[in-house]
Amino acid sequence: MKLGAQNKTASFLGDEREWKGSRIEMVDVDGRDGGVRIRIEGTGLGTVEPVKWKTNPIDERSGLYTTTFPFSLPEADITNLLTLFVEMDFLTITVPKDHKPVRSETIPGITLSSYLGVSHTVEKYASQKVDRFDSISGILNGLETKLVPLRDDSKWEEEGWRPWAGFSE
């Protein structure tokens, strides 16, 4: 792909051959309702971690719980996803600072890391309209829908649900 040096994201990611060393992460979790964390390596390997408010059937404690579903994207899909970041010039997305958040509003964030291990994160309030960010997050959220099987709470232990440790994981 040749988008030239005018595109900061293309320069950040380097040559397409170096994209296998990149990483995408999206965290969109609300302290009341849960959400999702998605990690995708440039190799196409990744995990989807749904975070849900649940009651543990073993000890009957309620709280945010998560489990991990590994997946692998075909090379063409990961190339298309990283191409989207370049086409949207992710590194130049700006979020207006004058937004008045709604009480308890979530702040979804997307992080793009280069093969050099350098990361760039964009975060916004959920109710803010930031077209390029929303396009990318829509694609990433679509992965969760496609990759996470329907939940069967009777399989609590087999599915490995555990208390969610929060944003520091």
N, C-alpha and C. Protein backbone atom coordinates (compact mmCIF):
# COMPACT_ATOMS: atom_id res chain seq x y z
N MET A 1 0.85 -1.17 0.00
CA MET A 1 0.00 0.00 0.00
C MET A 1 0.89 1.24 0.00
N LYS A 2 0.57 2.17 -0.86
CA LYS A 2 1.36 3.40 -0.98
C LYS A 2 0.47 4.61 -0.69
N LEU A 3 0.47 5.04 0.56
CA LEU A 3 -0.29 6.24 0.90
C LEU A 3 0.65 7.42 1.14
N GLY A 4 1.93 7.16 1.08
CA GLY A 4 2.89 8.24 1.17
C GLY A 4 3.16 8.70 2.58
N ALA A 5 4.15 9.56 2.71
CA ALA A 5 4.59 10.03 4.01
C ALA A 5 3.60 11.01 4.64
N GLN A 6 2.63 11.52 3.84
CA GLN A 6 1.67 12.46 4.42
C GLN A 6 0.74 11.77 5.41
N ASN A 7 0.70 10.45 5.41
CA ASN A 7 -0.18 9.73 6.32
C ASN A 7 0.63 9.28 7.53
N LYS A 8 0.32 9.83 8.69
CA LYS A 8 1.09 9.53 9.91
C LYS A 8 0.95 8.07 10.33
N THR A 9 -0.22 7.49 10.12
CA THR A 9 -0.43 6.10 10.54
C THR A 9 0.37 5.16 9.67
N ALA A 10 0.47 5.43 8.38
CA ALA A 10 1.28 4.60 7.48
C ALA A 10 2.74 4.65 7.91
N SER A 11 3.23 5.83 8.23
CA SER A 11 4.62 5.97 8.71
C SER A 11 4.82 5.25 10.04
N PHE A 12 3.85 5.37 10.93
CA PHE A 12 3.90 4.74 12.25
C PHE A 12 3.98 3.21 12.14
N LEU A 13 3.15 2.63 11.28
CA LEU A 13 3.11 1.17 11.14
C LEU A 13 4.28 0.63 10.33
N GLY A 14 4.89 1.47 9.51
CA GLY A 14 6.00 1.01 8.70
C GLY A 14 5.52 0.26 7.47
N ASP A 15 6.45 -0.38 6.81
CA ASP A 15 6.16 -1.15 5.61
C ASP A 15 5.20 -2.29 5.94
N GLU A 16 4.37 -2.66 4.98
CA GLU A 16 3.39 -3.72 5.20
C GLU A 16 4.02 -5.02 5.72
N ARG A 17 5.27 -5.27 5.35
CA ARG A 17 5.95 -6.49 5.83
C ARG A 17 6.16 -6.44 7.35
N GLU A 18 6.16 -5.25 7.93
CA GLU A 18 6.37 -5.08 9.37
C GLU A 18 5.06 -5.11 10.16
N TRP A 19 3.94 -5.20 9.48
CA TRP A 19 2.64 -5.16 10.15
C TRP A 19 2.41 -6.37 11.06
N LYS A 20 3.09 -7.46 10.80
CA LYS A 20 2.91 -8.65 11.66
C LYS A 20 3.35 -8.36 13.10
N GLY A 21 4.19 -7.36 13.30
CA GLY A 21 4.63 -6.98 14.63
C GLY A 21 3.74 -5.95 15.31
N SER A 22 2.66 -5.56 14.65
CA SER A 22 1.77 -4.56 15.22
C SER A 22 0.72 -5.21 16.13
N ARG A 23 -0.05 -4.37 16.82
CA ARG A 23 -1.11 -4.88 17.70
C ARG A 23 -2.22 -3.83 17.78
N ILE A 24 -3.45 -4.32 17.85
CA ILE A 24 -4.64 -3.48 18.02
C ILE A 24 -5.31 -3.93 19.31
N GLU A 25 -5.74 -2.97 20.11
CA GLU A 25 -6.51 -3.31 21.31
C GLU A 25 -7.64 -2.30 21.46
N MET A 26 -8.82 -2.81 21.74
CA MET A 26 -9.95 -1.94 22.04
C MET A 26 -10.52 -2.36 23.39
N VAL A 27 -10.72 -1.38 24.27
CA VAL A 27 -11.36 -1.61 25.56
C VAL A 27 -12.60 -0.73 25.60
N ASP A 28 -13.74 -1.35 25.77
CA ASP A 28 -15.01 -0.64 25.85
C ASP A 28 -15.82 -1.29 26.95
N VAL A 29 -15.48 -0.94 28.21
CA VAL A 29 -16.09 -1.60 29.37
C VAL A 29 -16.69 -0.55 30.29
N ASP A 30 -17.91 -0.80 30.71
CA ASP A 30 -18.65 0.05 31.63
C ASP A 30 -18.69 -0.66 32.98
N GLY A 31 -18.49 0.07 34.05
CA GLY A 31 -18.47 -0.52 35.38
C GLY A 31 -19.79 -1.11 35.84
N ARG A 32 -20.87 -0.77 35.17
CA ARG A 32 -22.18 -1.34 35.53
C ARG A 32 -22.60 -2.46 34.61
N ASP A 33 -22.42 -2.25 33.31
CA ASP A 33 -22.98 -3.17 32.33
C ASP A 33 -21.95 -4.09 31.67
N GLY A 34 -20.67 -3.83 31.89
CA GLY A 34 -19.65 -4.64 31.24
C GLY A 34 -19.31 -4.08 29.87
N GLY A 35 -18.91 -4.96 28.97
CA GLY A 35 -18.51 -4.54 27.64
C GLY A 35 -17.59 -5.57 27.03
N VAL A 36 -16.52 -5.10 26.39
CA VAL A 36 -15.62 -6.02 25.70
C VAL A 36 -14.20 -5.45 25.64
N ARG A 37 -13.24 -6.36 25.67
CA ARG A 37 -11.84 -6.04 25.37
C ARG A 37 -11.44 -6.95 24.21
N ILE A 38 -10.87 -6.35 23.18
CA ILE A 38 -10.44 -7.11 22.01
C ILE A 38 -8.97 -6.81 21.78
N ARG A 39 -8.18 -7.86 21.62
CA ARG A 39 -6.75 -7.71 21.29
C ARG A 39 -6.48 -8.50 20.01
N ILE A 40 -5.78 -7.87 19.07
CA ILE A 40 -5.44 -8.55 17.83
C ILE A 40 -3.98 -8.25 17.50
N GLU A 41 -3.21 -9.30 17.37
CA GLU A 41 -1.81 -9.15 16.94
C GLU A 41 -1.77 -9.01 15.42
N GLY A 42 -0.70 -8.44 14.91
CA GLY A 42 -0.53 -8.30 13.47
C GLY A 42 -0.44 -9.63 12.74
N THR A 43 -0.23 -10.69 13.48
CA THR A 43 -0.20 -12.04 12.89
C THR A 43 -1.62 -12.57 12.65
N GLY A 44 -2.62 -11.89 13.22
CA GLY A 44 -4.00 -12.34 13.11
C GLY A 44 -4.49 -13.06 14.34
N LEU A 45 -3.57 -13.43 15.26
CA LEU A 45 -4.00 -14.08 16.50
C LEU A 45 -4.57 -13.02 17.45
N GLY A 46 -5.62 -13.40 18.15
CA GLY A 46 -6.22 -12.43 19.05
C GLY A 46 -7.10 -13.07 20.09
N THR A 47 -7.65 -12.22 20.94
CA THR A 47 -8.60 -12.66 21.95
C THR A 47 -9.75 -11.66 22.03
N VAL A 48 -10.91 -12.19 22.32
CA VAL A 48 -12.08 -11.37 22.65
C VAL A 48 -12.42 -11.71 24.09
N GLU A 49 -12.54 -10.68 24.92
CA GLU A 49 -12.89 -10.88 26.32
C GLU A 49 -14.18 -10.12 26.63
N PRO A 50 -15.32 -10.82 26.55
CA PRO A 50 -16.55 -10.16 26.97
C PRO A 50 -16.51 -9.95 28.48
N VAL A 51 -16.99 -8.82 28.94
CA VAL A 51 -17.07 -8.52 30.36
C VAL A 51 -18.55 -8.31 30.65
N LYS A 52 -19.10 -9.14 31.54
CA LYS A 52 -20.54 -9.12 31.80
C LYS A 52 -20.81 -9.05 33.30
N TRP A 53 -21.91 -8.39 33.65
CA TRP A 53 -22.38 -8.40 35.03
C TRP A 53 -23.07 -9.74 35.21
N LYS A 54 -22.55 -10.55 36.12
CA LYS A 54 -23.07 -11.90 36.32
C LYS A 54 -23.13 -12.23 37.81
N THR A 55 -23.89 -13.25 38.12
CA THR A 55 -23.90 -13.81 39.45
C THR A 55 -23.25 -15.18 39.36
N ASN A 56 -22.17 -15.36 40.09
CA ASN A 56 -21.45 -16.62 40.09
C ASN A 56 -22.35 -17.69 40.72
N PRO A 57 -22.69 -18.75 39.97
CA PRO A 57 -23.59 -19.76 40.51
C PRO A 57 -22.97 -20.59 41.64
N ILE A 58 -21.66 -20.50 41.80
CA ILE A 58 -20.99 -21.30 42.83
C ILE A 58 -21.07 -20.62 44.19
N ASP A 59 -20.71 -19.33 44.25
CA ASP A 59 -20.74 -18.63 45.54
C ASP A 59 -21.78 -17.51 45.59
N GLU A 60 -22.54 -17.35 44.51
CA GLU A 60 -23.62 -16.38 44.39
C GLU A 60 -23.18 -14.93 44.55
N ARG A 61 -21.91 -14.65 44.28
CA ARG A 61 -21.42 -13.26 44.28
C ARG A 61 -21.69 -12.64 42.92
N SER A 62 -22.16 -11.40 42.94
CA SER A 62 -22.41 -10.68 41.69
C SER A 62 -21.26 -9.72 41.43
N GLY A 63 -21.01 -9.47 40.17
CA GLY A 63 -19.97 -8.52 39.79
C GLY A 63 -19.64 -8.66 38.32
N LEU A 64 -18.61 -7.96 37.90
CA LEU A 64 -18.16 -8.07 36.52
C LEU A 64 -17.28 -9.30 36.39
N TYR A 65 -17.60 -10.13 35.43
CA TYR A 65 -16.84 -11.34 35.16
C TYR A 65 -16.44 -11.35 33.70
N THR A 66 -15.33 -12.01 33.41
CA THR A 66 -14.85 -12.10 32.04
C THR A 66 -14.37 -13.52 31.75
N THR A 67 -14.28 -13.81 30.48
CA THR A 67 -13.65 -15.03 30.01
C THR A 67 -12.96 -14.68 28.70
N THR A 68 -12.11 -15.55 28.21
CA THR A 68 -11.32 -15.24 27.02
C THR A 68 -11.61 -16.24 25.91
N PHE A 69 -11.86 -15.70 24.73
CA PHE A 69 -12.06 -16.52 23.54
C PHE A 69 -10.95 -16.21 22.55
N PRO A 70 -10.02 -17.14 22.34
CA PRO A 70 -8.97 -16.90 21.35
C PRO A 70 -9.52 -17.07 19.93
N PHE A 71 -8.91 -16.39 18.99
CA PHE A 71 -9.32 -16.53 17.59
C PHE A 71 -8.12 -16.26 16.70
N SER A 72 -8.28 -16.56 15.44
CA SER A 72 -7.26 -16.29 14.44
C SER A 72 -7.94 -15.71 13.21
N LEU A 73 -7.47 -14.56 12.77
CA LEU A 73 -8.00 -13.95 11.55
C LEU A 73 -7.11 -14.35 10.37
N PRO A 74 -7.69 -14.59 9.22
CA PRO A 74 -6.87 -14.84 8.03
C PRO A 74 -5.99 -13.63 7.73
N GLU A 75 -4.87 -13.86 7.09
CA GLU A 75 -3.92 -12.78 6.79
C GLU A 75 -4.59 -11.63 6.04
N ALA A 76 -5.48 -11.95 5.10
CA ALA A 76 -6.16 -10.90 4.33
C ALA A 76 -7.01 -10.03 5.24
N ASP A 77 -7.67 -10.63 6.25
CA ASP A 77 -8.52 -9.85 7.15
C ASP A 77 -7.71 -8.90 8.03
N ILE A 78 -6.57 -9.37 8.55
CA ILE A 78 -5.76 -8.49 9.39
C ILE A 78 -5.14 -7.38 8.53
N THR A 79 -4.76 -7.70 7.30
CA THR A 79 -4.25 -6.67 6.40
C THR A 79 -5.32 -5.64 6.11
N ASN A 80 -6.55 -6.09 5.86
CA ASN A 80 -7.66 -5.15 5.62
C ASN A 80 -7.93 -4.28 6.85
N LEU A 81 -7.85 -4.87 8.03
CA LEU A 81 -8.09 -4.11 9.27
C LEU A 81 -7.01 -3.04 9.46
N LEU A 82 -5.76 -3.42 9.29
CA LEU A 82 -4.68 -2.43 9.44
C LEU A 82 -4.73 -1.38 8.33
N THR A 83 -5.16 -1.79 7.14
CA THR A 83 -5.34 -0.84 6.04
C THR A 83 -6.41 0.19 6.40
N LEU A 84 -7.46 -0.26 7.08
CA LEU A 84 -8.50 0.67 7.55
C LEU A 84 -7.91 1.71 8.49
N PHE A 85 -7.04 1.27 9.42
CA PHE A 85 -6.38 2.22 10.33
C PHE A 85 -5.58 3.25 9.53
N VAL A 86 -4.89 2.78 8.47
CA VAL A 86 -4.10 3.70 7.64
C VAL A 86 -5.02 4.63 6.86
N GLU A 87 -6.06 4.07 6.23
CA GLU A 87 -6.98 4.90 5.44
C GLU A 87 -7.67 5.95 6.31
N MET A 88 -8.00 5.60 7.55
CA MET A 88 -8.63 6.54 8.47
C MET A 88 -7.59 7.44 9.14
N ASP A 89 -6.32 7.21 8.85
CA ASP A 89 -5.19 7.90 9.47
C ASP A 89 -5.42 8.05 10.98
N PHE A 90 -5.47 6.89 11.63
CA PHE A 90 -5.81 6.77 13.05
C PHE A 90 -5.02 7.73 13.93
N LEU A 91 -3.74 7.92 13.65
CA LEU A 91 -2.91 8.77 14.51
C LEU A 91 -3.32 10.24 14.48
N THR A 92 -4.11 10.64 13.50
CA THR A 92 -4.52 12.04 13.41
C THR A 92 -5.95 12.27 13.91
N ILE A 93 -6.59 11.23 14.45
CA ILE A 93 -7.95 11.41 14.98
C ILE A 93 -7.87 12.31 16.22
N THR A 94 -8.67 13.36 16.20
CA THR A 94 -8.73 14.24 17.37
C THR A 94 -10.14 14.16 17.96
N VAL A 95 -10.18 14.25 19.26
CA VAL A 95 -11.44 14.17 20.00
C VAL A 95 -11.66 15.52 20.66
N PRO A 96 -12.80 16.16 20.38
CA PRO A 96 -13.08 17.46 21.01
C PRO A 96 -13.05 17.36 22.54
N LYS A 97 -12.44 18.34 23.16
CA LYS A 97 -12.30 18.35 24.63
C LYS A 97 -13.48 19.01 25.34
N ASP A 98 -14.38 19.62 24.57
CA ASP A 98 -15.46 20.38 25.19
C ASP A 98 -16.72 19.55 25.46
N HIS A 99 -16.63 18.25 25.36
CA HIS A 99 -17.79 17.37 25.56
C HIS A 99 -18.20 17.34 27.02
N LYS A 100 -19.49 17.42 27.27
CA LYS A 100 -20.02 17.28 28.63
C LYS A 100 -20.56 15.86 28.77
N PRO A 101 -19.84 15.01 29.50
CA PRO A 101 -20.25 13.61 29.58
C PRO A 101 -21.54 13.40 30.37
N VAL A 102 -22.21 12.34 30.00
CA VAL A 102 -23.39 11.89 30.73
C VAL A 102 -22.86 11.15 31.96
N ARG A 103 -23.59 11.20 33.07
CA ARG A 103 -23.14 10.53 34.29
C ARG A 103 -22.86 9.05 34.02
N SER A 104 -21.75 8.56 34.51
CA SER A 104 -21.32 7.16 34.38
C SER A 104 -21.09 6.74 32.93
N GLU A 105 -20.81 7.69 32.06
CA GLU A 105 -20.60 7.39 30.65
C GLU A 105 -19.26 6.67 30.45
N THR A 106 -19.26 5.67 29.60
CA THR A 106 -18.04 4.93 29.32
C THR A 106 -17.11 5.73 28.41
N ILE A 107 -15.85 5.35 28.47
CA ILE A 107 -14.83 5.97 27.62
C ILE A 107 -14.13 4.85 26.86
N PRO A 108 -14.69 4.47 25.69
CA PRO A 108 -14.01 3.44 24.91
C PRO A 108 -12.68 3.96 24.38
N GLY A 109 -11.71 3.06 24.29
CA GLY A 109 -10.40 3.43 23.79
C GLY A 109 -9.87 2.40 22.81
N ILE A 110 -9.14 2.87 21.82
CA ILE A 110 -8.48 2.00 20.85
C ILE A 110 -7.00 2.34 20.87
N THR A 111 -6.18 1.30 20.96
CA THR A 111 -4.72 1.47 20.94
C THR A 111 -4.15 0.73 19.74
N LEU A 112 -3.30 1.40 19.00
CA LEU A 112 -2.57 0.81 17.89
C LEU A 112 -1.10 0.84 18.26
N SER A 113 -0.44 -0.33 18.19
CA SER A 113 0.99 -0.43 18.51
C SER A 113 1.74 -0.84 17.25
N SER A 114 2.90 -0.24 17.06
CA SER A 114 3.72 -0.55 15.89
C SER A 114 4.64 -1.74 16.19
N TYR A 115 5.31 -2.21 15.17
CA TYR A 115 6.27 -3.31 15.33
C TYR A 115 7.43 -2.90 16.25
N LEU A 116 7.63 -1.62 16.47
CA LEU A 116 8.68 -1.14 17.36
C LEU A 116 8.22 -1.11 18.82
N GLY A 117 6.94 -1.42 19.06
CA GLY A 117 6.40 -1.41 20.41
C GLY A 117 5.90 -0.05 20.87
N VAL A 118 5.87 0.91 19.96
CA VAL A 118 5.36 2.24 20.27
C VAL A 118 3.84 2.20 20.11
N SER A 119 3.11 2.79 21.06
CA SER A 119 1.66 2.74 21.03
C SER A 119 1.04 4.13 20.93
N HIS A 120 -0.14 4.17 20.31
CA HIS A 120 -0.92 5.40 20.22
C HIS A 120 -2.35 5.03 20.58
N THR A 121 -2.93 5.76 21.54
CA THR A 121 -4.29 5.48 22.01
C THR A 121 -5.19 6.67 21.73
N VAL A 122 -6.41 6.36 21.28
CA VAL A 122 -7.44 7.38 21.13
C VAL A 122 -8.62 6.93 22.00
N GLU A 123 -9.11 7.84 22.85
CA GLU A 123 -10.26 7.58 23.71
C GLU A 123 -11.27 8.70 23.52
N LYS A 124 -12.53 8.34 23.71
CA LYS A 124 -13.59 9.34 23.62
C LYS A 124 -14.74 8.90 24.51
N TYR A 125 -15.61 9.83 24.87
CA TYR A 125 -16.83 9.45 25.58
C TYR A 125 -17.76 8.73 24.60
N ALA A 126 -18.50 7.77 25.11
CA ALA A 126 -19.37 6.94 24.26
C ALA A 126 -20.36 7.78 23.46
N SER A 127 -20.87 8.87 24.02
CA SER A 127 -21.88 9.67 23.32
C SER A 127 -21.28 10.67 22.32
N GLN A 128 -19.97 10.82 22.32
CA GLN A 128 -19.33 11.73 21.36
C GLN A 128 -19.35 11.11 19.97
N LYS A 129 -19.57 11.93 18.97
CA LYS A 129 -19.53 11.47 17.59
C LYS A 129 -18.17 11.84 17.02
N VAL A 130 -17.34 10.83 16.78
CA VAL A 130 -16.03 11.02 16.16
C VAL A 130 -15.98 9.99 15.02
N ASP A 131 -16.32 10.42 13.83
CA ASP A 131 -16.60 9.51 12.72
C ASP A 131 -15.54 8.45 12.47
N ARG A 132 -14.28 8.85 12.37
CA ARG A 132 -13.24 7.85 12.06
C ARG A 132 -13.07 6.85 13.19
N PHE A 133 -13.10 7.32 14.44
CA PHE A 133 -13.02 6.42 15.59
C PHE A 133 -14.22 5.47 15.58
N ASP A 134 -15.42 6.01 15.37
CA ASP A 134 -16.64 5.21 15.38
C ASP A 134 -16.61 4.14 14.29
N SER A 135 -16.06 4.46 13.13
CA SER A 135 -15.96 3.46 12.05
C SER A 135 -15.08 2.30 12.46
N ILE A 136 -13.92 2.62 13.04
CA ILE A 136 -12.98 1.56 13.47
C ILE A 136 -13.58 0.75 14.61
N SER A 137 -14.17 1.42 15.61
CA SER A 137 -14.73 0.68 16.74
C SER A 137 -15.92 -0.17 16.31
N GLY A 138 -16.67 0.29 15.32
CA GLY A 138 -17.78 -0.51 14.80
C GLY A 138 -17.31 -1.82 14.20
N ILE A 139 -16.21 -1.77 13.46
CA ILE A 139 -15.62 -2.99 12.88
C ILE A 139 -15.14 -3.91 14.00
N LEU A 140 -14.44 -3.36 14.98
CA LEU A 140 -13.92 -4.18 16.08
C LEU A 140 -15.06 -4.78 16.91
N ASN A 141 -16.10 -4.01 17.19
CA ASN A 141 -17.25 -4.55 17.91
C ASN A 141 -17.95 -5.64 17.11
N GLY A 142 -17.93 -5.52 15.80
CA GLY A 142 -18.50 -6.56 14.94
C GLY A 142 -17.77 -7.88 15.09
N LEU A 143 -16.46 -7.81 15.37
CA LEU A 143 -15.69 -9.04 15.60
C LEU A 143 -16.20 -9.77 16.82
N GLU A 144 -16.54 -9.02 17.88
CA GLU A 144 -17.06 -9.69 19.08
C GLU A 144 -18.34 -10.44 18.76
N THR A 145 -19.24 -9.80 18.05
CA THR A 145 -20.50 -10.43 17.69
C THR A 145 -20.27 -11.70 16.88
N LYS A 146 -19.30 -11.65 16.00
CA LYS A 146 -19.01 -12.78 15.11
C LYS A 146 -18.27 -13.91 15.82
N LEU A 147 -17.42 -13.57 16.79
CA LEU A 147 -16.50 -14.56 17.36
C LEU A 147 -16.92 -15.15 18.70
N VAL A 148 -17.78 -14.46 19.44
CA VAL A 148 -18.15 -14.96 20.77
C VAL A 148 -19.43 -15.78 20.66
N PRO A 149 -19.36 -17.06 21.06
CA PRO A 149 -20.55 -17.91 20.98
C PRO A 149 -21.62 -17.43 21.96
N LEU A 150 -22.85 -17.84 21.71
CA LEU A 150 -23.93 -17.51 22.64
C LEU A 150 -23.62 -18.08 24.01
N ARG A 151 -23.89 -17.31 25.02
CA ARG A 151 -23.55 -17.70 26.39
C ARG A 151 -24.54 -18.72 26.95
N ASP A 152 -24.01 -19.70 27.65
CA ASP A 152 -24.82 -20.68 28.38
C ASP A 152 -24.32 -20.65 29.81
N ASP A 153 -25.05 -19.95 30.70
CA ASP A 153 -24.58 -19.78 32.07
C ASP A 153 -24.43 -21.07 32.84
N SER A 154 -25.01 -22.16 32.36
CA SER A 154 -24.84 -23.43 33.06
C SER A 154 -23.43 -23.99 32.87
N LYS A 155 -22.68 -23.42 31.93
CA LYS A 155 -21.31 -23.88 31.67
C LYS A 155 -20.30 -22.90 32.25
N TRP A 156 -20.61 -22.38 33.41
CA TRP A 156 -19.80 -21.35 34.05
C TRP A 156 -18.34 -21.75 34.16
N GLU A 157 -18.08 -22.91 34.77
CA GLU A 157 -16.69 -23.32 35.01
C GLU A 157 -15.99 -23.73 33.72
N GLU A 158 -16.68 -24.46 32.82
CA GLU A 158 -16.04 -24.90 31.58
C GLU A 158 -15.60 -23.72 30.72
N GLU A 159 -16.35 -22.63 30.78
CA GLU A 159 -16.04 -21.47 29.96
C GLU A 159 -15.01 -20.55 30.62
N GLY A 160 -14.61 -20.86 31.85
CA GLY A 160 -13.53 -20.13 32.49
C GLY A 160 -13.86 -18.73 32.94
N TRP A 161 -15.11 -18.45 33.29
CA TRP A 161 -15.45 -17.11 33.78
C TRP A 161 -14.71 -16.83 35.08
N ARG A 162 -14.19 -15.64 35.21
CA ARG A 162 -13.44 -15.23 36.40
C ARG A 162 -13.75 -13.76 36.67
N PRO A 163 -13.56 -13.31 37.90
CA PRO A 163 -13.79 -11.88 38.18
C PRO A 163 -12.90 -11.01 37.29
N TRP A 164 -13.44 -9.92 36.81
CA TRP A 164 -12.68 -9.02 35.94
C TRP A 164 -11.76 -8.18 36.80
N ALA A 165 -10.48 -8.14 36.46
CA ALA A 165 -9.49 -7.44 37.27
C ALA A 165 -9.46 -5.93 36.97
N GLY A 166 -10.18 -5.51 35.98
CA GLY A 166 -10.24 -4.09 35.67
C GLY A 166 -9.35 -3.72 34.51
N PHE A 167 -9.08 -2.45 34.40
CA PHE A 167 -8.39 -1.91 33.24
C PHE A 167 -6.89 -2.15 33.25
N SER A 168 -6.35 -2.63 34.34
CA SER A 168 -4.89 -2.79 34.43
C SER A 168 -4.40 -4.14 33.89
N GLU A 169 -5.31 -5.03 33.52
CA GLU A 169 -4.92 -6.35 33.02
C GLU A 169 -4.04 -6.26 31.81
